[in-house]
Amino acid sequence: QVDGGEWSLLSEVAVEGDVYGAVRASSARWKRASRSPCATYEFCYSLSPLDVEWGELSRLMVLSSRFILRNDSNNIAFEAKQAGSDDSTAVVVPIGGTVPFHWMNHFLPE
């Protein structure tokens, strides 16, 4: 369920093979966990059959942030934020590091 408890649209999951997709959810669903009540979280998912005895009845689900910021610099860490959002919403990307990125205000342009 997303967006305040409403059921999301169903995804078709193939009987065989891998399935990939993306989900967009408002932070209003997780008021205590979010830094911003207007944030939008986007996740990618993949479903794949397990290579075990009962694998045809089980799937492995992997969730990851849709956007990952990567810093290939050897010298400089940097901050990134959505244009127009408050400076306190910036995330620091350390030297050689990666961090997930989410839109802090769905009223602002992406």
N, C-alpha and C. Protein backbone atom coordinates (compact mmCIF):
# COMPACT_ATOMS: atom_id res chain seq x y z
N GLN A 1 0.83 -1.17 0.00
CA GLN A 1 0.00 0.00 0.00
C GLN A 1 0.88 1.24 0.00
N VAL A 2 0.44 2.27 -0.72
CA VAL A 2 1.19 3.52 -0.79
C VAL A 2 0.22 4.68 -0.68
N ASP A 3 0.76 5.87 -0.58
CA ASP A 3 -0.04 7.10 -0.56
C ASP A 3 -1.17 7.07 0.46
N GLY A 4 -0.79 7.01 1.74
CA GLY A 4 -1.77 7.10 2.81
C GLY A 4 -2.63 5.86 2.98
N GLY A 5 -2.13 4.72 2.57
CA GLY A 5 -2.85 3.48 2.81
C GLY A 5 -3.69 3.00 1.64
N GLU A 6 -3.69 3.73 0.53
CA GLU A 6 -4.44 3.28 -0.64
C GLU A 6 -3.68 2.14 -1.31
N TRP A 7 -4.40 1.19 -1.84
CA TRP A 7 -3.73 0.09 -2.55
C TRP A 7 -3.18 0.60 -3.86
N SER A 8 -1.96 0.20 -4.16
CA SER A 8 -1.34 0.58 -5.42
C SER A 8 -1.84 -0.34 -6.52
N LEU A 9 -1.54 0.02 -7.76
CA LEU A 9 -1.90 -0.85 -8.88
C LEU A 9 -1.08 -2.13 -8.80
N LEU A 10 -1.68 -3.22 -9.21
CA LEU A 10 -0.97 -4.50 -9.18
C LEU A 10 0.06 -4.56 -10.28
N SER A 11 1.13 -5.27 -10.01
CA SER A 11 2.15 -5.50 -11.02
C SER A 11 2.00 -6.94 -11.50
N GLU A 12 2.19 -7.12 -12.77
CA GLU A 12 2.18 -8.47 -13.32
C GLU A 12 3.54 -9.10 -13.07
N VAL A 13 3.55 -10.26 -12.48
CA VAL A 13 4.80 -10.97 -12.20
C VAL A 13 4.80 -12.23 -13.06
N ALA A 14 5.76 -12.31 -13.95
CA ALA A 14 5.86 -13.47 -14.84
C ALA A 14 6.15 -14.73 -14.04
N VAL A 15 5.67 -15.84 -14.52
CA VAL A 15 5.88 -17.12 -13.84
C VAL A 15 7.36 -17.49 -13.88
N GLU A 16 8.03 -17.19 -14.99
CA GLU A 16 9.45 -17.50 -15.12
C GLU A 16 10.22 -16.23 -15.43
N GLY A 17 11.49 -16.25 -15.09
CA GLY A 17 12.37 -15.13 -15.43
C GLY A 17 12.33 -14.02 -14.41
N ASP A 18 13.05 -12.96 -14.73
CA ASP A 18 13.18 -11.82 -13.83
C ASP A 18 12.15 -10.74 -14.17
N VAL A 19 11.77 -9.97 -13.16
CA VAL A 19 10.83 -8.86 -13.34
C VAL A 19 11.47 -7.62 -12.72
N TYR A 20 11.36 -6.49 -13.41
CA TYR A 20 11.93 -5.23 -12.92
C TYR A 20 10.85 -4.15 -12.96
N GLY A 21 10.94 -3.18 -12.04
CA GLY A 21 9.98 -2.09 -12.05
C GLY A 21 10.40 -0.99 -11.10
N ALA A 22 9.54 0.02 -10.98
CA ALA A 22 9.81 1.15 -10.09
C ALA A 22 8.52 1.52 -9.37
N VAL A 23 8.66 2.02 -8.16
CA VAL A 23 7.53 2.44 -7.33
C VAL A 23 7.79 3.85 -6.85
N ARG A 24 6.78 4.69 -6.90
CA ARG A 24 6.88 6.07 -6.38
C ARG A 24 5.88 6.19 -5.24
N ALA A 25 6.36 6.67 -4.08
CA ALA A 25 5.50 6.80 -2.90
C ALA A 25 5.77 8.12 -2.20
N SER A 26 4.72 8.74 -1.68
CA SER A 26 4.85 10.00 -0.95
C SER A 26 5.30 9.72 0.48
N SER A 27 6.08 10.63 1.04
CA SER A 27 6.55 10.47 2.42
C SER A 27 5.42 10.66 3.43
N ALA A 28 4.28 11.16 3.00
CA ALA A 28 3.15 11.33 3.91
C ALA A 28 2.78 9.99 4.55
N ARG A 29 3.14 8.91 3.91
CA ARG A 29 2.86 7.57 4.43
C ARG A 29 3.72 7.26 5.65
N TRP A 30 4.92 7.86 5.74
CA TRP A 30 5.85 7.59 6.83
C TRP A 30 6.23 8.89 7.52
N LYS A 31 5.28 9.52 8.18
CA LYS A 31 5.49 10.85 8.76
C LYS A 31 6.65 10.90 9.74
N ARG A 32 6.84 9.88 10.56
CA ARG A 32 7.90 9.90 11.56
C ARG A 32 9.28 9.67 10.97
N ALA A 33 9.36 8.93 9.87
CA ALA A 33 10.65 8.56 9.29
C ALA A 33 11.20 9.59 8.31
N SER A 34 10.36 10.49 7.84
CA SER A 34 10.78 11.40 6.78
C SER A 34 11.22 12.75 7.34
N ARG A 35 12.23 13.36 6.68
CA ARG A 35 12.67 14.70 7.05
C ARG A 35 11.74 15.76 6.45
N SER A 36 10.95 15.39 5.47
CA SER A 36 10.08 16.35 4.79
C SER A 36 8.73 15.70 4.50
N PRO A 37 7.62 16.35 4.89
CA PRO A 37 6.30 15.78 4.63
C PRO A 37 5.93 15.79 3.15
N CYS A 38 6.70 16.49 2.34
CA CYS A 38 6.41 16.59 0.90
C CYS A 38 7.34 15.72 0.06
N ALA A 39 8.21 14.95 0.69
CA ALA A 39 9.20 14.18 -0.06
C ALA A 39 8.53 13.07 -0.87
N THR A 40 9.18 12.71 -1.95
CA THR A 40 8.75 11.60 -2.78
C THR A 40 9.89 10.59 -2.85
N TYR A 41 9.58 9.35 -2.51
CA TYR A 41 10.58 8.29 -2.55
C TYR A 41 10.32 7.42 -3.77
N GLU A 42 11.38 7.14 -4.49
CA GLU A 42 11.27 6.28 -5.67
C GLU A 42 12.22 5.11 -5.50
N PHE A 43 11.67 3.92 -5.64
CA PHE A 43 12.44 2.71 -5.47
C PHE A 43 12.36 1.85 -6.72
N CYS A 44 13.44 1.19 -7.03
CA CYS A 44 13.44 0.18 -8.08
C CYS A 44 13.35 -1.18 -7.40
N TYR A 45 12.73 -2.11 -8.07
CA TYR A 45 12.67 -3.45 -7.52
C TYR A 45 12.99 -4.47 -8.61
N SER A 46 13.48 -5.59 -8.17
CA SER A 46 13.65 -6.72 -9.07
C SER A 46 13.19 -7.97 -8.35
N LEU A 47 12.51 -8.82 -9.08
CA LEU A 47 12.06 -10.11 -8.57
C LEU A 47 12.69 -11.18 -9.43
N SER A 48 13.29 -12.16 -8.80
CA SER A 48 13.87 -13.26 -9.56
C SER A 48 13.63 -14.58 -8.83
N PRO A 49 13.47 -15.65 -9.58
CA PRO A 49 13.26 -16.95 -8.95
C PRO A 49 14.50 -17.38 -8.18
N LEU A 50 14.28 -18.10 -7.10
CA LEU A 50 15.39 -18.62 -6.32
C LEU A 50 15.86 -19.94 -6.92
N ASP A 51 17.13 -20.15 -6.91
CA ASP A 51 17.70 -21.38 -7.46
C ASP A 51 17.83 -22.41 -6.33
N VAL A 52 16.68 -22.82 -5.79
CA VAL A 52 16.64 -23.80 -4.71
C VAL A 52 15.53 -24.80 -5.00
N GLU A 53 15.38 -25.79 -4.12
CA GLU A 53 14.41 -26.86 -4.36
C GLU A 53 12.99 -26.34 -4.60
N TRP A 54 12.55 -25.36 -3.80
CA TRP A 54 11.21 -24.81 -3.95
C TRP A 54 11.24 -23.45 -4.66
N GLY A 55 12.24 -23.23 -5.47
CA GLY A 55 12.43 -21.93 -6.12
C GLY A 55 11.28 -21.49 -6.99
N GLU A 56 10.55 -22.42 -7.60
CA GLU A 56 9.44 -22.01 -8.46
C GLU A 56 8.29 -21.40 -7.66
N LEU A 57 8.30 -21.60 -6.33
CA LEU A 57 7.27 -21.03 -5.47
C LEU A 57 7.76 -19.82 -4.69
N SER A 58 9.03 -19.50 -4.81
CA SER A 58 9.62 -18.40 -4.05
C SER A 58 10.34 -17.43 -4.97
N ARG A 59 10.40 -16.18 -4.56
CA ARG A 59 11.10 -15.15 -5.33
C ARG A 59 12.02 -14.36 -4.41
N LEU A 60 13.09 -13.88 -4.97
CA LEU A 60 13.99 -12.97 -4.28
C LEU A 60 13.61 -11.56 -4.72
N MET A 61 13.31 -10.68 -3.76
CA MET A 61 12.95 -9.30 -4.08
C MET A 61 14.06 -8.38 -3.58
N VAL A 62 14.58 -7.54 -4.47
CA VAL A 62 15.62 -6.59 -4.13
C VAL A 62 15.07 -5.19 -4.35
N LEU A 63 15.14 -4.35 -3.31
CA LEU A 63 14.72 -2.95 -3.40
C LEU A 63 15.96 -2.07 -3.34
N SER A 64 15.98 -1.04 -4.16
CA SER A 64 17.08 -0.07 -4.10
C SER A 64 16.53 1.31 -4.47
N SER A 65 17.22 2.32 -4.01
CA SER A 65 16.83 3.67 -4.36
C SER A 65 16.93 3.85 -5.87
N ARG A 66 15.98 4.56 -6.45
CA ARG A 66 16.00 4.76 -7.91
C ARG A 66 17.18 5.61 -8.35
N PHE A 67 17.57 6.56 -7.49
CA PHE A 67 18.68 7.44 -7.82
C PHE A 67 19.80 7.26 -6.80
N ILE A 68 21.00 7.06 -7.28
CA ILE A 68 22.19 6.93 -6.43
C ILE A 68 23.17 8.01 -6.88
N LEU A 69 23.65 8.81 -5.93
CA LEU A 69 24.69 9.80 -6.23
C LEU A 69 26.04 9.18 -5.95
N ARG A 70 26.96 9.30 -6.89
CA ARG A 70 28.29 8.70 -6.76
C ARG A 70 29.35 9.77 -6.93
N ASN A 71 30.34 9.73 -6.05
CA ASN A 71 31.43 10.70 -6.09
C ASN A 71 32.72 9.97 -6.47
N ASP A 72 33.18 10.19 -7.68
CA ASP A 72 34.42 9.56 -8.15
C ASP A 72 35.66 10.39 -7.83
N SER A 73 35.47 11.50 -7.13
CA SER A 73 36.60 12.37 -6.80
C SER A 73 37.52 11.71 -5.78
N ASN A 74 38.79 12.02 -5.87
CA ASN A 74 39.77 11.57 -4.87
C ASN A 74 40.06 12.64 -3.84
N ASN A 75 39.49 13.87 -4.03
CA ASN A 75 39.84 14.99 -3.17
C ASN A 75 38.65 15.68 -2.51
N ILE A 76 37.49 15.70 -3.16
CA ILE A 76 36.42 16.58 -2.74
C ILE A 76 35.13 15.82 -2.43
N ALA A 77 34.57 16.06 -1.25
CA ALA A 77 33.21 15.62 -0.95
C ALA A 77 32.27 16.73 -1.41
N PHE A 78 31.04 16.41 -1.75
CA PHE A 78 30.12 17.45 -2.16
C PHE A 78 28.73 17.21 -1.58
N GLU A 79 27.93 18.28 -1.59
CA GLU A 79 26.54 18.21 -1.15
C GLU A 79 25.64 18.33 -2.36
N ALA A 80 24.50 17.64 -2.30
CA ALA A 80 23.52 17.72 -3.39
C ALA A 80 22.13 17.82 -2.78
N LYS A 81 21.26 18.58 -3.46
CA LYS A 81 19.88 18.71 -3.02
C LYS A 81 19.02 19.03 -4.23
N GLN A 82 17.73 18.91 -4.05
CA GLN A 82 16.79 19.27 -5.10
C GLN A 82 16.77 20.79 -5.25
N ALA A 83 16.80 21.27 -6.47
CA ALA A 83 16.77 22.72 -6.71
C ALA A 83 15.53 23.33 -6.07
N GLY A 84 15.74 24.39 -5.28
CA GLY A 84 14.64 25.09 -4.64
C GLY A 84 14.28 24.56 -3.27
N SER A 85 14.84 23.43 -2.87
CA SER A 85 14.53 22.88 -1.54
C SER A 85 15.44 23.52 -0.49
N ASP A 86 15.06 23.36 0.76
CA ASP A 86 15.82 23.93 1.87
C ASP A 86 17.22 23.33 1.93
N ASP A 87 18.21 24.14 2.32
CA ASP A 87 19.59 23.66 2.40
C ASP A 87 19.75 22.50 3.38
N SER A 88 18.88 22.42 4.39
CA SER A 88 18.99 21.35 5.39
C SER A 88 18.68 19.97 4.79
N THR A 89 18.09 19.94 3.60
CA THR A 89 17.76 18.65 2.97
C THR A 89 18.92 18.09 2.13
N ALA A 90 20.02 18.84 2.04
CA ALA A 90 21.17 18.39 1.24
C ALA A 90 21.77 17.12 1.84
N VAL A 91 22.26 16.25 0.97
CA VAL A 91 22.97 15.06 1.40
C VAL A 91 24.44 15.22 1.03
N VAL A 92 25.32 14.75 1.90
CA VAL A 92 26.76 14.82 1.64
C VAL A 92 27.19 13.54 0.97
N VAL A 93 27.87 13.67 -0.17
CA VAL A 93 28.42 12.52 -0.87
C VAL A 93 29.92 12.50 -0.59
N PRO A 94 30.37 11.55 0.23
CA PRO A 94 31.78 11.55 0.62
C PRO A 94 32.71 11.19 -0.54
N ILE A 95 33.98 11.47 -0.36
CA ILE A 95 34.99 11.13 -1.36
C ILE A 95 34.93 9.63 -1.64
N GLY A 96 34.76 9.29 -2.91
CA GLY A 96 34.69 7.88 -3.31
C GLY A 96 33.44 7.16 -2.86
N GLY A 97 32.43 7.90 -2.37
CA GLY A 97 31.24 7.26 -1.80
C GLY A 97 30.02 7.34 -2.69
N THR A 98 28.97 6.67 -2.24
CA THR A 98 27.66 6.70 -2.89
C THR A 98 26.59 6.89 -1.82
N VAL A 99 25.51 7.59 -2.16
CA VAL A 99 24.38 7.76 -1.26
C VAL A 99 23.09 7.71 -2.06
N PRO A 100 21.99 7.21 -1.46
CA PRO A 100 20.70 7.25 -2.16
C PRO A 100 20.19 8.69 -2.21
N PHE A 101 19.42 9.02 -3.23
CA PHE A 101 18.87 10.37 -3.37
C PHE A 101 17.38 10.28 -3.62
N HIS A 102 16.61 11.10 -2.87
CA HIS A 102 15.15 11.17 -3.04
C HIS A 102 14.76 12.64 -3.17
N TRP A 103 13.65 12.89 -3.87
CA TRP A 103 13.15 14.26 -4.03
C TRP A 103 12.56 14.71 -2.71
N MET A 104 13.03 15.85 -2.18
CA MET A 104 12.59 16.32 -0.86
C MET A 104 11.26 17.05 -0.90
N ASN A 105 10.83 17.53 -2.06
CA ASN A 105 9.56 18.24 -2.14
C ASN A 105 8.94 17.98 -3.49
N HIS A 106 7.82 17.24 -3.52
CA HIS A 106 7.22 16.89 -4.80
C HIS A 106 6.50 18.08 -5.44
N PHE A 107 6.44 19.21 -4.75
CA PHE A 107 5.87 20.42 -5.35
C PHE A 107 6.90 21.17 -6.21
N LEU A 108 8.17 20.88 -5.98
CA LEU A 108 9.25 21.52 -6.75
C LEU A 108 9.58 20.69 -7.99
N PRO A 109 10.21 21.30 -9.00
CA PRO A 109 10.58 20.53 -10.19
C PRO A 109 11.62 19.46 -9.84
N GLU A 110 11.53 18.36 -10.53
CA GLU A 110 12.50 17.29 -10.34
C GLU A 110 13.68 17.56 -11.22
